[in-house]
């Protein structure tokens, strides 16, 4: 049984409502994806306003083409010009400690030990050293600090 939808029309403002919905989704789920779909829907709304007799299949095709084009453009643009942060180690706590000198709370034995930073203890990896030795953080591997004996 075929569904008859020949009398169905998408008005220009439907696209603007869809654009607003995509932008709200972008606010709730940030990731810079729905933003481009919102722009595409807004542009289709403008096209539908300028050409009111345009049927819905053409509008959907224009939306699909603009959506794919906008997402691909954004990927290429952001790859060439990554977003710079004034706090590049934010939410990467271990990387904030690189260069810092710590005192071992537990000795490094078989390459692993512990160091106290503030009120927390961190796992460290490096050459075997006794407890109380001053070490410098030279890198991070997940949640394990890479250390070497401080000069």
Protein backbone atom coordinates (compact mmCIF):
# COMPACT_ATOMS: atom_id res chain seq x y z
CA UNK A 1 0.00 0.00 0.00
CA UNK A 2 1.55 3.30 -1.08
CA UNK A 3 1.44 6.33 1.14
CA UNK A 4 0.28 9.45 -0.67
CA UNK A 5 2.30 12.49 0.31
CA UNK A 6 2.03 14.59 -2.83
CA UNK A 7 0.08 17.33 -1.02
CA UNK A 8 2.64 17.51 1.75
CA UNK A 9 4.61 20.76 1.78
CA UNK A 10 7.49 21.88 3.93
CA UNK A 11 7.20 25.57 4.63
CA UNK A 12 10.31 27.69 5.08
CA UNK A 13 9.71 28.16 8.78
CA UNK A 14 9.78 24.39 9.36
CA UNK A 15 13.44 24.49 8.36
CA UNK A 16 14.08 27.37 10.74
CA UNK A 17 12.49 25.42 13.57
CA UNK A 18 14.69 22.45 12.62
CA UNK A 19 17.73 24.78 12.60
CA UNK A 20 16.84 26.04 16.07
CA UNK A 21 16.37 22.45 17.28
CA UNK A 22 19.80 21.46 15.93
CA UNK A 23 21.38 24.44 17.66
CA UNK A 24 19.70 23.51 20.96
CA UNK A 25 20.99 19.95 20.55
CA UNK A 26 24.47 21.40 19.93
CA UNK A 27 24.24 23.35 23.18
CA UNK A 28 23.17 20.24 25.10
CA UNK A 29 25.61 17.86 23.38
CA UNK A 30 28.59 19.98 22.33
CA UNK A 31 30.73 18.49 19.65
CA UNK A 32 30.45 20.96 16.77
CA UNK A 33 28.40 18.60 14.61
CA UNK A 34 24.79 19.63 15.04
CA UNK A 35 25.87 23.25 14.56
CA UNK A 36 26.54 22.55 10.87
CA UNK A 37 23.25 20.72 10.45
CA UNK A 38 21.56 23.77 11.96
CA UNK A 39 23.28 26.07 9.48
CA UNK A 40 22.24 23.79 6.60
CA UNK A 41 18.61 23.75 7.78
CA UNK A 42 18.64 27.54 8.13
CA UNK A 43 19.95 27.97 4.57
CA UNK A 44 17.29 25.58 3.22
CA UNK A 45 14.72 27.72 5.05
CA UNK A 46 16.02 30.80 3.25
CA UNK A 47 15.94 28.98 -0.10
CA UNK A 48 12.37 27.79 0.60
CA UNK A 49 11.38 31.38 1.44
CA UNK A 50 12.85 32.69 -1.83
CA UNK A 51 11.36 29.84 -3.90
CA UNK A 52 8.01 29.02 -2.23
CA UNK A 53 6.95 26.54 -4.92
CA UNK A 54 9.90 24.21 -4.30
CA UNK A 55 8.68 20.72 -3.43
CA UNK A 56 9.86 18.89 -0.34
CA UNK A 57 12.07 16.30 -2.11
CA UNK A 58 14.23 19.10 -3.52
CA UNK A 59 14.40 20.74 -0.12
CA UNK A 60 15.52 17.49 1.51
CA UNK A 61 18.18 16.95 -1.16
CA UNK A 62 19.48 20.50 -0.68
CA UNK A 63 19.56 19.92 3.08
CA UNK A 64 21.45 16.64 2.65
CA UNK A 65 24.02 18.17 0.30
CA UNK A 66 24.52 21.24 2.49
CA UNK A 67 24.80 19.10 5.64
CA UNK A 68 27.46 16.81 4.20
CA UNK A 69 29.29 19.78 2.67
CA UNK A 70 29.22 21.77 5.91
CA UNK A 71 30.45 18.85 8.03
CA UNK A 72 33.28 18.05 5.59
CA UNK A 73 34.24 21.73 5.39
CA UNK A 74 34.32 21.95 9.20
CA UNK A 75 36.50 18.84 9.49
CA UNK A 76 39.03 20.17 6.98
CA UNK A 77 38.99 23.67 8.47
CA UNK A 78 39.41 22.50 12.08
CA UNK A 79 42.15 20.05 11.11
CA UNK A 80 44.17 22.86 9.54
CA UNK A 81 43.38 25.34 12.32
CA UNK A 82 42.96 23.45 15.62
CA UNK A 83 41.41 25.30 18.51
CA UNK A 84 44.13 26.72 20.75
CA UNK A 85 43.55 26.63 24.49
CA UNK A 86 45.01 28.90 27.13
CA UNK A 87 45.01 25.84 29.44
CA UNK A 88 46.11 22.90 27.26
CA UNK A 89 46.50 20.53 30.24
CA UNK A 90 43.04 21.20 31.68
CA UNK A 91 41.40 17.86 32.58
CA UNK A 92 44.74 16.09 32.06
CA UNK A 93 45.95 16.31 35.61
CA UNK A 94 49.01 14.12 35.19
CA UNK A 95 50.40 16.35 32.45
CA UNK A 96 50.18 19.31 34.82
CA UNK A 97 52.90 17.69 36.94
CA UNK A 98 55.50 17.33 34.15
CA UNK A 99 58.64 19.18 35.24
CA UNK A 100 57.68 19.14 38.92
CA UNK A 101 60.06 17.70 41.54
CA UNK A 102 58.48 15.18 43.94
CA UNK A 103 59.63 13.08 46.85
CA UNK A 104 59.07 9.32 46.66
CA UNK A 105 56.75 8.10 49.42
CA UNK A 106 57.39 4.44 48.50
CA UNK A 107 60.59 3.20 46.84
CA UNK A 108 60.65 2.45 43.13
CA UNK A 109 61.20 -1.29 42.93
CA UNK A 110 61.12 -3.21 39.67
CA UNK A 111 60.40 0.09 37.93
CA UNK A 112 57.29 1.05 39.94
CA UNK A 113 56.75 3.11 43.06
CA UNK A 114 54.60 5.90 44.54
CA UNK A 115 54.99 9.60 45.15
CA UNK A 116 52.76 11.87 47.19
CA UNK A 117 51.44 15.03 45.55
CA UNK A 118 49.39 17.17 47.88
CA UNK A 119 46.87 14.84 49.53
CA UNK A 120 47.00 12.08 46.90
CA UNK A 121 49.51 9.38 46.01
CA UNK A 122 50.46 8.75 42.39
CA UNK A 123 52.02 5.71 40.82
CA UNK A 124 55.41 6.42 39.30
CA UNK A 125 57.70 4.53 36.96
CA UNK A 126 61.43 4.91 36.59
CA UNK A 127 64.78 3.55 37.69
CA UNK A 128 64.81 1.80 41.08
CA UNK A 129 65.28 4.41 43.84
CA UNK A 130 64.77 4.40 47.63
CA UNK A 131 61.90 6.18 49.39
CA UNK A 132 62.58 9.83 50.14
CA UNK A 133 64.51 10.39 46.90
CA UNK A 134 63.74 13.57 44.96
CA UNK A 135 62.49 12.76 41.46
CA UNK A 136 61.46 14.91 38.52
CA UNK A 137 58.34 14.12 36.48
CA UNK A 138 59.40 13.78 32.83
CA UNK A 139 56.24 12.33 31.30
CA UNK A 140 52.87 10.69 31.80
CA UNK A 141 51.56 7.30 30.67
CA UNK A 142 47.85 7.27 31.42
CA UNK A 143 47.68 7.76 35.19
CA UNK A 144 51.29 6.77 35.85
CA UNK A 145 53.95 9.47 36.11
CA UNK A 146 57.28 8.81 34.41
CA UNK A 147 60.10 10.03 36.66
CA UNK A 148 63.87 10.27 36.82
CA UNK A 149 66.18 11.17 39.68
CA UNK A 150 66.28 14.94 40.18
CA UNK A 151 69.62 16.70 39.80
